[in-house]
N, C-alpha and C. Protein backbone atom coordinates (compact mmCIF):
# COMPACT_ATOMS: atom_id res chain seq x y z
N MET A 1 79.74 88.09 126.62
CA MET A 1 80.05 89.35 126.00
C MET A 1 80.16 89.14 124.49
N SER A 2 79.76 90.16 123.75
CA SER A 2 79.85 90.13 122.29
C SER A 2 80.87 91.15 121.80
N TYR A 3 81.29 90.97 120.56
CA TYR A 3 82.37 91.81 120.01
C TYR A 3 82.05 92.19 118.58
N GLN A 4 82.77 93.21 118.10
CA GLN A 4 82.72 93.60 116.69
C GLN A 4 84.13 93.89 116.22
N VAL A 5 84.29 93.85 114.91
CA VAL A 5 85.59 94.14 114.31
C VAL A 5 85.65 95.64 114.01
N PRO A 6 86.67 96.35 114.53
CA PRO A 6 86.80 97.77 114.23
C PRO A 6 87.05 97.98 112.73
N GLY A 7 86.74 99.17 112.25
CA GLY A 7 86.87 99.49 110.83
C GLY A 7 88.27 99.38 110.28
N HIS A 8 89.29 99.53 111.12
CA HIS A 8 90.67 99.47 110.64
C HIS A 8 91.22 98.04 110.57
N VAL A 9 90.39 97.07 110.92
CA VAL A 9 90.82 95.67 110.95
C VAL A 9 90.15 94.91 109.81
N HIS A 10 90.94 94.13 109.10
CA HIS A 10 90.44 93.32 107.99
C HIS A 10 90.89 91.88 108.21
N HIS A 11 90.07 90.94 107.79
CA HIS A 11 90.42 89.54 107.99
C HIS A 11 89.96 88.69 106.82
N ARG A 12 90.72 87.64 106.60
CA ARG A 12 90.43 86.69 105.52
C ARG A 12 90.69 85.27 106.04
N THR A 13 89.84 84.37 105.59
CA THR A 13 90.05 82.96 105.90
C THR A 13 90.91 82.37 104.78
N VAL A 14 91.98 81.70 105.18
CA VAL A 14 92.88 81.05 104.24
C VAL A 14 93.01 79.60 104.71
N ASP A 15 92.47 78.70 103.91
CA ASP A 15 92.38 77.29 104.29
C ASP A 15 91.60 77.20 105.60
N ASP A 16 92.19 76.68 106.67
CA ASP A 16 91.48 76.52 107.94
C ASP A 16 91.89 77.57 108.97
N GLU A 17 92.51 78.65 108.50
CA GLU A 17 93.00 79.65 109.43
C GLU A 17 92.57 81.05 108.97
N VAL A 18 92.64 82.00 109.90
CA VAL A 18 92.30 83.38 109.59
C VAL A 18 93.55 84.24 109.72
N VAL A 19 93.69 85.16 108.77
CA VAL A 19 94.74 86.17 108.83
C VAL A 19 94.05 87.50 109.10
N VAL A 20 94.53 88.21 110.12
CA VAL A 20 93.94 89.48 110.53
C VAL A 20 94.96 90.58 110.25
N PHE A 21 94.53 91.64 109.59
CA PHE A 21 95.39 92.78 109.29
C PHE A 21 94.88 94.00 110.04
N ASP A 22 95.76 94.63 110.80
CA ASP A 22 95.45 95.87 111.51
C ASP A 22 95.97 97.03 110.67
N GLY A 23 95.07 97.79 110.08
CA GLY A 23 95.44 98.90 109.22
C GLY A 23 96.10 100.05 109.95
N GLN A 24 95.88 100.16 111.26
CA GLN A 24 96.52 101.23 112.02
C GLN A 24 98.00 100.95 112.28
N THR A 25 98.28 99.72 112.62
CA THR A 25 99.67 99.37 112.93
C THR A 25 100.37 98.69 111.76
N GLU A 26 99.60 98.39 110.71
CA GLU A 26 100.10 97.69 109.53
C GLU A 26 100.78 96.37 109.89
N THR A 27 100.13 95.64 110.79
CA THR A 27 100.64 94.33 111.21
C THR A 27 99.60 93.26 110.92
N TYR A 28 100.11 92.05 110.74
CA TYR A 28 99.28 90.88 110.50
C TYR A 28 99.33 89.97 111.71
N LEU A 29 98.23 89.26 111.94
CA LEU A 29 98.19 88.23 112.96
C LEU A 29 97.57 87.00 112.33
N GLY A 30 98.27 85.89 112.40
CA GLY A 30 97.74 84.63 111.90
C GLY A 30 97.15 83.84 113.05
N LEU A 31 95.91 83.41 112.88
CA LEU A 31 95.24 82.60 113.91
C LEU A 31 95.27 81.14 113.49
N ASN A 32 95.64 80.28 114.42
CA ASN A 32 95.64 78.86 114.11
C ASN A 32 94.20 78.36 113.99
N SER A 33 94.03 77.11 113.65
CA SER A 33 92.69 76.59 113.38
C SER A 33 91.77 76.67 114.60
N THR A 34 92.30 76.50 115.78
CA THR A 34 91.49 76.58 116.99
C THR A 34 91.06 78.02 117.26
N ALA A 35 91.99 78.96 117.18
CA ALA A 35 91.66 80.37 117.37
C ALA A 35 90.72 80.85 116.28
N THR A 36 90.83 80.28 115.09
CA THR A 36 89.94 80.64 113.99
C THR A 36 88.49 80.31 114.32
N ILE A 37 88.26 79.18 114.95
CA ILE A 37 86.90 78.80 115.36
C ILE A 37 86.32 79.91 116.25
N VAL A 38 87.09 80.32 117.23
CA VAL A 38 86.64 81.37 118.16
C VAL A 38 86.43 82.68 117.41
N TRP A 39 87.39 83.09 116.60
CA TRP A 39 87.30 84.35 115.85
C TRP A 39 86.02 84.41 115.02
N LEU A 40 85.76 83.35 114.26
CA LEU A 40 84.61 83.36 113.36
C LEU A 40 83.29 83.48 114.11
N VAL A 41 83.19 82.87 115.26
CA VAL A 41 81.98 83.00 116.07
C VAL A 41 81.86 84.42 116.64
N LEU A 42 82.97 84.94 117.16
CA LEU A 42 82.93 86.28 117.75
C LEU A 42 82.63 87.36 116.72
N VAL A 43 83.23 87.28 115.54
CA VAL A 43 82.99 88.33 114.53
C VAL A 43 81.60 88.21 113.91
N ALA A 44 80.95 87.09 114.11
CA ALA A 44 79.56 86.94 113.67
C ALA A 44 78.60 87.61 114.66
N GLY A 45 79.15 88.12 115.77
CA GLY A 45 78.33 88.82 116.75
C GLY A 45 77.88 87.96 117.91
N ASP A 46 78.35 86.73 117.96
CA ASP A 46 77.97 85.85 119.06
C ASP A 46 78.88 86.07 120.26
N SER A 47 78.50 85.48 121.36
CA SER A 47 79.19 85.68 122.64
C SER A 47 80.38 84.74 122.81
N THR A 48 81.17 85.02 123.84
CA THR A 48 82.27 84.13 124.18
C THR A 48 81.75 82.75 124.57
N GLY A 49 80.57 82.71 125.18
CA GLY A 49 79.96 81.42 125.52
C GLY A 49 79.65 80.60 124.27
N ALA A 50 79.12 81.26 123.25
CA ALA A 50 78.82 80.58 121.99
C ALA A 50 80.11 80.12 121.31
N ALA A 51 81.15 80.95 121.39
CA ALA A 51 82.44 80.57 120.81
C ALA A 51 83.02 79.36 121.54
N ALA A 52 82.90 79.35 122.85
CA ALA A 52 83.38 78.20 123.62
C ALA A 52 82.60 76.94 123.26
N ASP A 53 81.29 77.08 123.09
CA ASP A 53 80.47 75.93 122.68
C ASP A 53 80.92 75.39 121.32
N ALA A 54 81.23 76.29 120.39
CA ALA A 54 81.70 75.87 119.07
C ALA A 54 83.04 75.15 119.18
N LEU A 55 83.89 75.65 120.05
CA LEU A 55 85.19 75.03 120.27
C LEU A 55 85.04 73.61 120.81
N VAL A 56 84.14 73.44 121.76
CA VAL A 56 83.86 72.10 122.31
C VAL A 56 83.34 71.18 121.22
N ALA A 57 82.38 71.68 120.46
CA ALA A 57 81.75 70.85 119.42
C ALA A 57 82.74 70.43 118.33
N GLN A 58 83.65 71.34 117.98
CA GLN A 58 84.54 71.06 116.85
C GLN A 58 85.87 70.42 117.24
N THR A 59 86.26 70.55 118.51
CA THR A 59 87.56 70.00 118.91
C THR A 59 87.48 68.96 120.01
N GLY A 60 86.37 68.95 120.76
CA GLY A 60 86.23 68.00 121.85
C GLY A 60 86.93 68.40 123.13
N VAL A 61 87.45 69.63 123.18
CA VAL A 61 88.10 70.12 124.39
C VAL A 61 87.05 70.23 125.51
N ALA A 62 87.48 70.12 126.75
CA ALA A 62 86.58 70.22 127.89
C ALA A 62 85.92 71.60 127.93
N PRO A 63 84.64 71.68 128.27
CA PRO A 63 83.94 72.96 128.27
C PRO A 63 84.58 74.05 129.11
N GLU A 64 85.10 73.70 130.28
CA GLU A 64 85.71 74.73 131.14
C GLU A 64 87.01 75.25 130.54
N VAL A 65 87.74 74.39 129.86
CA VAL A 65 88.97 74.80 129.18
C VAL A 65 88.62 75.68 127.99
N ALA A 66 87.61 75.28 127.23
CA ALA A 66 87.18 76.06 126.07
C ALA A 66 86.75 77.45 126.48
N LEU A 67 85.98 77.57 127.54
CA LEU A 67 85.52 78.89 127.98
C LEU A 67 86.68 79.75 128.45
N ALA A 68 87.57 79.19 129.25
CA ALA A 68 88.73 79.95 129.74
C ALA A 68 89.61 80.41 128.58
N ASP A 69 89.85 79.52 127.63
CA ASP A 69 90.69 79.88 126.48
C ASP A 69 90.01 80.92 125.59
N THR A 70 88.72 80.80 125.42
CA THR A 70 87.97 81.75 124.60
C THR A 70 87.98 83.14 125.22
N VAL A 71 87.73 83.21 126.51
CA VAL A 71 87.75 84.50 127.21
C VAL A 71 89.15 85.12 127.14
N ALA A 72 90.18 84.31 127.31
CA ALA A 72 91.56 84.82 127.24
C ALA A 72 91.90 85.31 125.84
N LEU A 73 91.49 84.57 124.82
CA LEU A 73 91.77 84.99 123.44
C LEU A 73 91.02 86.29 123.13
N ALA A 74 89.76 86.37 123.50
CA ALA A 74 88.99 87.58 123.25
C ALA A 74 89.63 88.78 123.93
N ALA A 75 90.07 88.61 125.17
CA ALA A 75 90.73 89.71 125.89
C ALA A 75 92.01 90.13 125.18
N ASP A 76 92.77 89.18 124.67
CA ASP A 76 94.00 89.50 123.96
C ASP A 76 93.71 90.24 122.66
N LEU A 77 92.68 89.82 121.94
CA LEU A 77 92.31 90.48 120.69
C LEU A 77 91.82 91.91 120.95
N VAL A 78 91.12 92.11 122.05
CA VAL A 78 90.69 93.47 122.43
C VAL A 78 91.91 94.30 122.78
N ARG A 79 92.81 93.74 123.56
CA ARG A 79 94.03 94.46 123.95
C ARG A 79 94.84 94.88 122.72
N ARG A 80 94.85 94.05 121.70
CA ARG A 80 95.59 94.36 120.46
C ARG A 80 94.82 95.31 119.55
N GLY A 81 93.55 95.61 119.90
CA GLY A 81 92.74 96.50 119.07
C GLY A 81 92.10 95.83 117.88
N LEU A 82 92.04 94.49 117.89
CA LEU A 82 91.50 93.75 116.76
C LEU A 82 90.03 93.43 116.92
N LEU A 83 89.52 93.53 118.13
CA LEU A 83 88.09 93.39 118.42
C LEU A 83 87.70 94.48 119.41
N GLU A 84 86.42 94.83 119.39
CA GLU A 84 85.87 95.79 120.35
C GLU A 84 84.65 95.17 121.00
N PRO A 85 84.52 95.29 122.32
CA PRO A 85 83.30 94.81 122.97
C PRO A 85 82.10 95.63 122.51
N THR A 86 80.95 94.99 122.45
CA THR A 86 79.72 95.68 122.08
C THR A 86 78.71 95.55 123.22
N GLU A 87 77.78 96.46 123.22
CA GLU A 87 76.68 96.39 124.20
C GLU A 87 75.72 95.30 123.76
N GLY A 88 75.18 94.60 124.74
CA GLY A 88 74.15 93.63 124.40
C GLY A 88 74.50 92.25 124.63
């Protein structure tokens, strides 16, 4: 599945982490370096599978763990309104 960032969400990379601001709720979310890897791949329009592959390549985590964690993070970001699923 692929995702996009809704218009009310803004993000910036600070050092090795991403800070996400939700303009609707006026809240910030800080992503650690591992979640940042996933975020950057997803907001580039790639799939959860591609994000999991990046996580494996950059951290050495087991592929099945990377995929499960990536899918869980993406679902949480959607639930929070910080990402939206896209067709395709």
